[in-house]
Amino acid sequence: MLYTLTVFADRGETLLDDTFESPNDSDAREEGIRRLKEGQFEHKGARVTRAGKLIHFERAYLPKIVPVAGSST
């Protein structure tokens, strides 16, 4: 089966959008986590999906909320 690993920057930009084959969801989740560690994306938001189904979700670990340039907050 074909899976997609997507990694996001703190502001939501896509850092990685990669596909890979895996025999099942469990193995795909482990492969996705391995690829996150290998690419040093462990503290970024990420997800592994298959045909729109969420297999794994990694929440970003932000040290603090950084205001958007030009924002009054």
PDB file of N, CA and C in Angstrom:
ATOM      1  N   MET A   1       0.838  -1.178   0.000  1.00  0.00           N
ATOM      2  CA  MET A   1       0.000   0.000   0.000  1.00  0.00           C
ATOM      3  C   MET A   1       0.886   1.245   0.000  1.00  0.00           C
ATOM      4  N   LEU A   2       0.358   2.317  -0.561  1.00  0.00           N
ATOM      5  CA  LEU A   2       1.097   3.567  -0.683  1.00  0.00           C
ATOM      6  C   LEU A   2       0.723   4.523   0.450  1.00  0.00           C
ATOM      7  N   TYR A   3       1.735   5.055   1.131  1.00  0.00           N
ATOM      8  CA  TYR A   3       1.551   5.977   2.246  1.00  0.00           C
ATOM      9  C   TYR A   3       2.257   7.289   1.958  1.00  0.00           C
ATOM     10  N   THR A   4       1.774   8.362   2.587  1.00  0.00           N
ATOM     11  CA  THR A   4       2.384   9.679   2.435  1.00  0.00           C
ATOM     12  C   THR A   4       2.815  10.194   3.798  1.00  0.00           C
ATOM     13  N   LEU A   5       4.053  10.663   3.877  1.00  0.00           N
ATOM     14  CA  LEU A   5       4.585  11.301   5.081  1.00  0.00           C
ATOM     15  C   LEU A   5       4.710  12.787   4.773  1.00  0.00           C
ATOM     16  N   THR A   6       4.049  13.620   5.577  1.00  0.00           N
ATOM     17  CA  THR A   6       4.113  15.065   5.402  1.00  0.00           C
ATOM     18  C   THR A   6       4.611  15.686   6.703  1.00  0.00           C
ATOM     19  N   VAL A   7       5.585  16.602   6.591  1.00  0.00           N
ATOM     20  CA  VAL A   7       6.151  17.294   7.746  1.00  0.00           C
ATOM     21  C   VAL A   7       5.919  18.787   7.556  1.00  0.00           C
ATOM     22  N   PHE A   8       5.541  19.458   8.642  1.00  0.00           N
ATOM     23  CA  PHE A   8       5.205  20.872   8.597  1.00  0.00           C
ATOM     24  C   PHE A   8       6.140  21.710   9.468  1.00  0.00           C
ATOM     25  N   ALA A   9       6.446  22.926   8.987  1.00  0.00           N
ATOM     26  CA  ALA A   9       7.204  23.894   9.775  1.00  0.00           C
ATOM     27  C   ALA A   9       6.264  24.486  10.831  1.00  0.00           C
ATOM     28  N   ASP A  10       6.828  25.245  11.763  1.00  0.00           N
ATOM     29  CA  ASP A  10       6.050  25.826  12.852  1.00  0.00           C
ATOM     30  C   ASP A  10       4.894  26.691  12.359  1.00  0.00           C
ATOM     31  N   ARG A  11       5.063  27.350  11.238  1.00  0.00           N
ATOM     32  CA  ARG A  11       4.023  28.226  10.696  1.00  0.00           C
ATOM     33  C   ARG A  11       3.145  27.527   9.662  1.00  0.00           C
ATOM     34  N   GLY A  12       3.330  26.228   9.466  1.00  0.00           N
ATOM     35  CA  GLY A  12       2.460  25.466   8.592  1.00  0.00           C
ATOM     36  C   GLY A  12       2.995  25.164   7.209  1.00  0.00           C
ATOM     37  N   GLU A  13       4.150  25.700   6.849  1.00  0.00           N
ATOM     38  CA  GLU A  13       4.720  25.382   5.539  1.00  0.00           C
ATOM     39  C   GLU A  13       5.120  23.915   5.489  1.00  0.00           C
ATOM     40  N   THR A  14       4.984  23.312   4.317  1.00  0.00           N
ATOM     41  CA  THR A  14       5.353  21.916   4.136  1.00  0.00           C
ATOM     42  C   THR A  14       6.865  21.804   3.973  1.00  0.00           C
ATOM     43  N   LEU A  15       7.490  21.029   4.847  1.00  0.00           N
ATOM     44  CA  LEU A  15       8.934  20.799   4.785  1.00  0.00           C
ATOM     45  C   LEU A  15       9.260  19.531   4.006  1.00  0.00           C
ATOM     46  N   LEU A  16       8.366  18.549   4.064  1.00  0.00           N
ATOM     47  CA  LEU A  16       8.585  17.264   3.395  1.00  0.00           C
ATOM     48  C   LEU A  16       7.235  16.684   3.019  1.00  0.00           C
ATOM     49  N   ASP A  17       7.145  16.183   1.811  1.00  0.00           N
ATOM     50  CA  ASP A  17       5.936  15.491   1.348  1.00  0.00           C
ATOM     51  C   ASP A  17       6.443  14.302   0.541  1.00  0.00           C
ATOM     52  N   ASP A  18       6.516  13.143   1.176  1.00  0.00           N
ATOM     53  CA  ASP A  18       7.167  11.973   0.596  1.00  0.00           C
ATOM     54  C   ASP A  18       6.213  10.785   0.629  1.00  0.00           C
ATOM     55  N   THR A  19       6.327   9.894  -0.344  1.00  0.00           N
ATOM     56  CA  THR A  19       5.508   8.683  -0.357  1.00  0.00           C
ATOM     57  C   THR A  19       6.409   7.461  -0.204  1.00  0.00           C
ATOM     58  N   PHE A  20       5.835   6.396   0.349  1.00  0.00           N
ATOM     59  CA  PHE A  20       6.557   5.140   0.499  1.00  0.00           C
ATOM     60  C   PHE A  20       5.568   3.982   0.534  1.00  0.00           C
ATOM     61  N   GLU A  21       6.053   2.799   0.242  1.00  0.00           N
ATOM     62  CA  GLU A  21       5.245   1.576   0.263  1.00  0.00           C
ATOM     63  C   GLU A  21       5.416   0.873   1.604  1.00  0.00           C
ATOM     64  N   SER A  22       4.331   0.265   2.068  1.00  0.00           N
ATOM     65  CA  SER A  22       4.373  -0.532   3.295  1.00  0.00           C
ATOM     66  C   SER A  22       3.263  -1.576   3.217  1.00  0.00           C
ATOM     67  N   PRO A  23       3.461  -2.733   3.837  1.00  0.00           N
ATOM     68  CA  PRO A  23       2.450  -3.795   3.743  1.00  0.00           C
ATOM     69  C   PRO A  23       1.180  -3.538   4.557  1.00  0.00           C
ATOM     70  N   ASN A  24       1.284  -2.714   5.621  1.00  0.00           N
ATOM     71  CA  ASN A  24       0.107  -2.461   6.459  1.00  0.00           C
ATOM     72  C   ASN A  24       0.286  -1.155   7.241  1.00  0.00           C
ATOM     73  N   ASP A  25      -0.794  -0.716   7.893  1.00  0.00           N
ATOM     74  CA  ASP A  25      -0.790   0.558   8.619  1.00  0.00           C
ATOM     75  C   ASP A  25       0.209   0.580   9.764  1.00  0.00           C
ATOM     76  N   SER A  26       0.313  -0.513  10.484  1.00  0.00           N
ATOM     77  CA  SER A  26       1.219  -0.567  11.632  1.00  0.00           C
ATOM     78  C   SER A  26       2.674  -0.395  11.190  1.00  0.00           C
ATOM     79  N   ASP A  27       3.061  -1.126  10.160  1.00  0.00           N
ATOM     80  CA  ASP A  27       4.425  -1.000   9.642  1.00  0.00           C
ATOM     81  C   ASP A  27       4.666   0.389   9.054  1.00  0.00           C
ATOM     82  N   ALA A  28       3.649   0.954   8.412  1.00  0.00           N
ATOM     83  CA  ALA A  28       3.772   2.295   7.828  1.00  0.00           C
ATOM     84  C   ALA A  28       3.987   3.333   8.920  1.00  0.00           C
ATOM     85  N   ARG A  29       3.289   3.190  10.039  1.00  0.00           N
ATOM     86  CA  ARG A  29       3.467   4.112  11.161  1.00  0.00           C
ATOM     87  C   ARG A  29       4.911   4.053  11.662  1.00  0.00           C
ATOM     88  N   GLU A  30       5.434   2.850  11.844  1.00  0.00           N
ATOM     89  CA  GLU A  30       6.819   2.686  12.308  1.00  0.00           C
ATOM     90  C   GLU A  30       7.814   3.254  11.296  1.00  0.00           C
ATOM     91  N   GLU A  31       7.555   3.019  10.008  1.00  0.00           N
ATOM     92  CA  GLU A  31       8.439   3.557   8.965  1.00  0.00           C
ATOM     93  C   GLU A  31       8.397   5.085   8.953  1.00  0.00           C
ATOM     94  N   GLY A  32       7.216   5.656   9.121  1.00  0.00           N
ATOM     95  CA  GLY A  32       7.082   7.108   9.177  1.00  0.00           C
ATOM     96  C   GLY A  32       7.851   7.702  10.341  1.00  0.00           C
ATOM     97  N   ILE A  33       7.744   7.094  11.508  1.00  0.00           N
ATOM     98  CA  ILE A  33       8.474   7.563  12.693  1.00  0.00           C
ATOM     99  C   ILE A  33       9.980   7.439  12.472  1.00  0.00           C
ATOM    100  N   ARG A  34      10.409   6.347  11.852  1.00  0.00           N
ATOM    101  CA  ARG A  34      11.837   6.165  11.550  1.00  0.00           C
ATOM    102  C   ARG A  34      12.337   7.270  10.616  1.00  0.00           C
ATOM    103  N   ARG A  35      11.541   7.578   9.593  1.00  0.00           N
ATOM    104  CA  ARG A  35      11.929   8.629   8.646  1.00  0.00           C
ATOM    105  C   ARG A  35      11.953  10.008   9.311  1.00  0.00           C
ATOM    106  N   LEU A  36      11.053  10.246  10.249  1.00  0.00           N
ATOM    107  CA  LEU A  36      11.067  11.515  10.980  1.00  0.00           C
ATOM    108  C   LEU A  36      12.366  11.664  11.760  1.00  0.00           C
ATOM    109  N   LYS A  37      12.757  10.609  12.448  1.00  0.00           N
ATOM    110  CA  LYS A  37      13.999  10.645  13.224  1.00  0.00           C
ATOM    111  C   LYS A  37      15.209  10.794  12.305  1.00  0.00           C
ATOM    112  N   GLU A  38      15.204  10.046  11.216  1.00  0.00           N
ATOM    113  CA  GLU A  38      16.312  10.074  10.272  1.00  0.00           C
ATOM    114  C   GLU A  38      16.495  11.473   9.657  1.00  0.00           C
ATOM    115  N   GLY A  39      15.391  12.147   9.375  1.00  0.00           N
ATOM    116  CA  GLY A  39      15.449  13.477   8.780  1.00  0.00           C
ATOM    117  C   GLY A  39      15.528  14.598   9.798  1.00  0.00           C
ATOM    118  N   GLN A  40      15.637  14.238  11.080  1.00  0.00           N
ATOM    119  CA  GLN A  40      15.688  15.190  12.193  1.00  0.00           C
ATOM    120  C   GLN A  40      14.460  16.097  12.225  1.00  0.00           C
ATOM    121  N   PHE A  41      13.288  15.485  11.985  1.00  0.00           N
ATOM    122  CA  PHE A  41      12.009  16.180  12.040  1.00  0.00           C
ATOM    123  C   PHE A  41      11.213  15.784  13.286  1.00  0.00           C
ATOM    124  N   GLU A  42      11.876  15.283  14.310  1.00  0.00           N
ATOM    125  CA  GLU A  42      11.191  14.754  15.490  1.00  0.00           C
ATOM    126  C   GLU A  42      10.338  15.782  16.225  1.00  0.00           C
ATOM    127  N   HIS A  43      10.694  17.054  16.145  1.00  0.00           N
ATOM    128  CA  HIS A  43       9.949  18.067  16.879  1.00  0.00           C
ATOM    129  C   HIS A  43       9.116  18.949  15.962  1.00  0.00           C
ATOM    130  N   LYS A  44       8.798  18.438  14.791  1.00  0.00           N
ATOM    131  CA  LYS A  44       7.945  19.143  13.833  1.00  0.00           C
ATOM    132  C   LYS A  44       6.595  18.444  13.759  1.00  0.00           C
ATOM    133  N   GLY A  45       5.603  19.174  13.331  1.00  0.00           N
ATOM    134  CA  GLY A  45       4.304  18.566  13.097  1.00  0.00           C
ATOM    135  C   GLY A  45       4.403  17.642  11.891  1.00  0.00           C
ATOM    136  N   ALA A  46       3.812  16.461  11.969  1.00  0.00           N
ATOM    137  CA  ALA A  46       3.910  15.505  10.873  1.00  0.00           C
ATOM    138  C   ALA A  46       2.716  14.566  10.882  1.00  0.00           C
ATOM    139  N   ARG A  47       2.497  13.947   9.715  1.00  0.00           N
ATOM    140  CA  ARG A  47       1.429  12.949   9.622  1.00  0.00           C
ATOM    141  C   ARG A  47       1.801  11.903   8.588  1.00  0.00           C
ATOM    142  N   VAL A  48       1.277  10.699   8.813  1.00  0.00           N
ATOM    143  CA  VAL A  48       1.358   9.611   7.838  1.00  0.00           C
ATOM    144  C   VAL A  48      -0.077   9.290   7.454  1.00  0.00           C
ATOM    145  N   THR A  49      -0.352   9.271   6.156  1.00  0.00           N
ATOM    146  CA  THR A  49      -1.704   8.989   5.674  1.00  0.00           C
ATOM    147  C   THR A  49      -1.686   7.922   4.586  1.00  0.00           C
ATOM    148  N   ARG A  50      -2.850   7.284   4.417  1.00  0.00           N
ATOM    149  CA  ARG A  50      -3.066   6.333   3.324  1.00  0.00           C
ATOM    150  C   ARG A  50      -4.454   6.603   2.769  1.00  0.00           C
ATOM    151  N   ALA A  51      -4.521   7.027   1.532  1.00  0.00           N
ATOM    152  CA  ALA A  51      -5.803   7.281   0.854  1.00  0.00           C
ATOM    153  C   ALA A  51      -6.730   8.128   1.725  1.00  0.00           C
ATOM    154  N   GLY A  52      -6.176   9.180   2.331  1.00  0.00           N
ATOM    155  CA  GLY A  52      -6.972  10.085   3.153  1.00  0.00           C
ATOM    156  C   GLY A  52      -7.185   9.638   4.589  1.00  0.00           C
ATOM    157  N   LYS A  53      -6.747   8.438   4.946  1.00  0.00           N
ATOM    158  CA  LYS A  53      -6.887   7.927   6.314  1.00  0.00           C
ATOM    159  C   LYS A  53      -5.646   8.304   7.122  1.00  0.00           C
ATOM    160  N   LEU A  54      -5.853   8.913   8.278  1.00  0.00           N
ATOM    161  CA  LEU A  54      -4.751   9.310   9.144  1.00  0.00           C
ATOM    162  C   LEU A  54      -4.220   8.086   9.879  1.00  0.00           C
ATOM    163  N   ILE A  55      -2.953   7.771   9.670  1.00  0.00           N
ATOM    164  CA  ILE A  55      -2.308   6.607  10.290  1.00  0.00           C
ATOM    165  C   ILE A  55      -1.505   7.027  11.520  1.00  0.00           C
ATOM    166  N   HIS A  56      -0.845   8.186  11.415  1.00  0.00           N
ATOM    167  CA  HIS A  56      -0.032   8.696  12.527  1.00  0.00           C
ATOM    168  C   HIS A  56      -0.027  10.219  12.467  1.00  0.00           C
ATOM    169  N   PHE A  57      -0.104  10.857  13.632  1.00  0.00           N
ATOM    170  CA  PHE A  57      -0.048  12.314  13.715  1.00  0.00           C
ATOM    171  C   PHE A  57       0.941  12.690  14.794  1.00  0.00           C
ATOM    172  N   GLU A  58       1.845  13.583  14.452  1.00  0.00           N
ATOM    173  CA  GLU A  58       2.862  14.062  15.391  1.00  0.00           C
ATOM    174  C   GLU A  58       2.635  15.556  15.586  1.00  0.00           C
ATOM    175  N   ARG A  59       2.324  15.953  16.786  1.00  0.00           N
ATOM    176  CA  ARG A  59       2.090  17.361  17.085  1.00  0.00           C
ATOM    177  C   ARG A  59       3.421  18.082  17.216  1.00  0.00           C
ATOM    178  N   ALA A  60       3.493  19.304  16.698  1.00  0.00           N
ATOM    179  CA  ALA A  60       4.719  20.103  16.805  1.00  0.00           C
ATOM    180  C   ALA A  60       4.922  20.521  18.250  1.00  0.00           C
ATOM    181  N   TYR A  61       6.164  20.572  18.668  1.00  0.00           N
ATOM    182  CA  TYR A  61       6.504  21.006  20.023  1.00  0.00           C
ATOM    183  C   TYR A  61       7.085  22.407  19.947  1.00  0.00           C
ATOM    184  N   LEU A  62       6.224  23.391  20.037  1.00  0.00           N
ATOM    185  CA  LEU A  62       6.654  24.781  19.940  1.00  0.00           C
ATOM    186  C   LEU A  62       7.083  25.289  21.306  1.00  0.00           C
ATOM    187  N   PRO A  63       8.242  25.943  21.388  1.00  0.00           N
ATOM    188  CA  PRO A  63       8.695  26.469  22.674  1.00  0.00           C
ATOM    189  C   PRO A  63       7.843  27.636  23.147  1.00  0.00           C
ATOM    190  N   LYS A  64       7.282  28.403  22.216  1.00  0.00           N
ATOM    191  CA  LYS A  64       6.402  29.520  22.585  1.00  0.00           C
ATOM    192  C   LYS A  64       5.630  29.926  21.333  1.00  0.00           C
ATOM    193  N   ILE A  65       4.549  30.649  21.517  1.00  0.00           N
ATOM    194  CA  ILE A  65       3.772  31.162  20.397  1.00  0.00           C
ATOM    195  C   ILE A  65       4.463  32.411  19.886  1.00  0.00           C
ATOM    196  N   VAL A  66       4.802  32.426  18.621  1.00  0.00           N
ATOM    197  CA  VAL A  66       5.497  33.550  18.009  1.00  0.00           C
ATOM    198  C   VAL A  66       4.494  34.305  17.157  1.00  0.00           C
ATOM    199  N   PRO A  67       4.298  35.624  17.415  1.00  0.00           N
ATOM    200  CA  PRO A  67       3.337  36.379  16.630  1.00  0.00           C
ATOM    201  C   PRO A  67       3.740  36.464  15.159  1.00  0.00           C
ATOM    202  N   VAL A  68       2.746  36.487  14.304  1.00  0.00           N
ATOM    203  CA  VAL A  68       2.971  36.654  12.873  1.00  0.00           C
ATOM    204  C   VAL A  68       3.360  38.093  12.603  1.00  0.00           C
ATOM    205  N   ALA A  69       4.323  38.317  11.734  1.00  0.00           N
ATOM    206  CA  ALA A  69       4.770  39.679  11.408  1.00  0.00           C
ATOM    207  C   ALA A  69       3.579  40.524  10.964  1.00  0.00           C
ATOM    208  N   GLY A  70       3.450  41.710  11.522  1.00  0.00           N
ATOM    209  CA  GLY A  70       2.359  42.601  11.184  1.00  0.00           C
ATOM    210  C   GLY A  70       1.101  42.366  11.996  1.00  0.00           C
ATOM    211  N   SER A  71       1.125  41.366  12.891  1.00  0.00           N
ATOM    212  CA  SER A  71      -0.040  41.056  13.730  1.00  0.00           C
ATOM    213  C   SER A  71       0.014  41.894  14.987  1.00  0.00           C
ATOM    214  N   SER A  72      -1.137  42.271  15.484  1.00  0.00           N
ATOM    215  CA  SER A  72      -1.206  43.089  16.712  1.00  0.00           C
ATOM    216  C   SER A  72      -1.223  42.249  17.978  1.00  0.00           C
ATOM    217  N   THR A  73      -1.217  40.909  17.853  1.00  0.00           N
ATOM    218  CA  THR A  73      -1.248  40.056  19.047  1.00  0.00           C
ATOM    219  C   THR A  73       0.113  39.619  19.465  1.00  0.00           C
TER     220      THR A  73
END
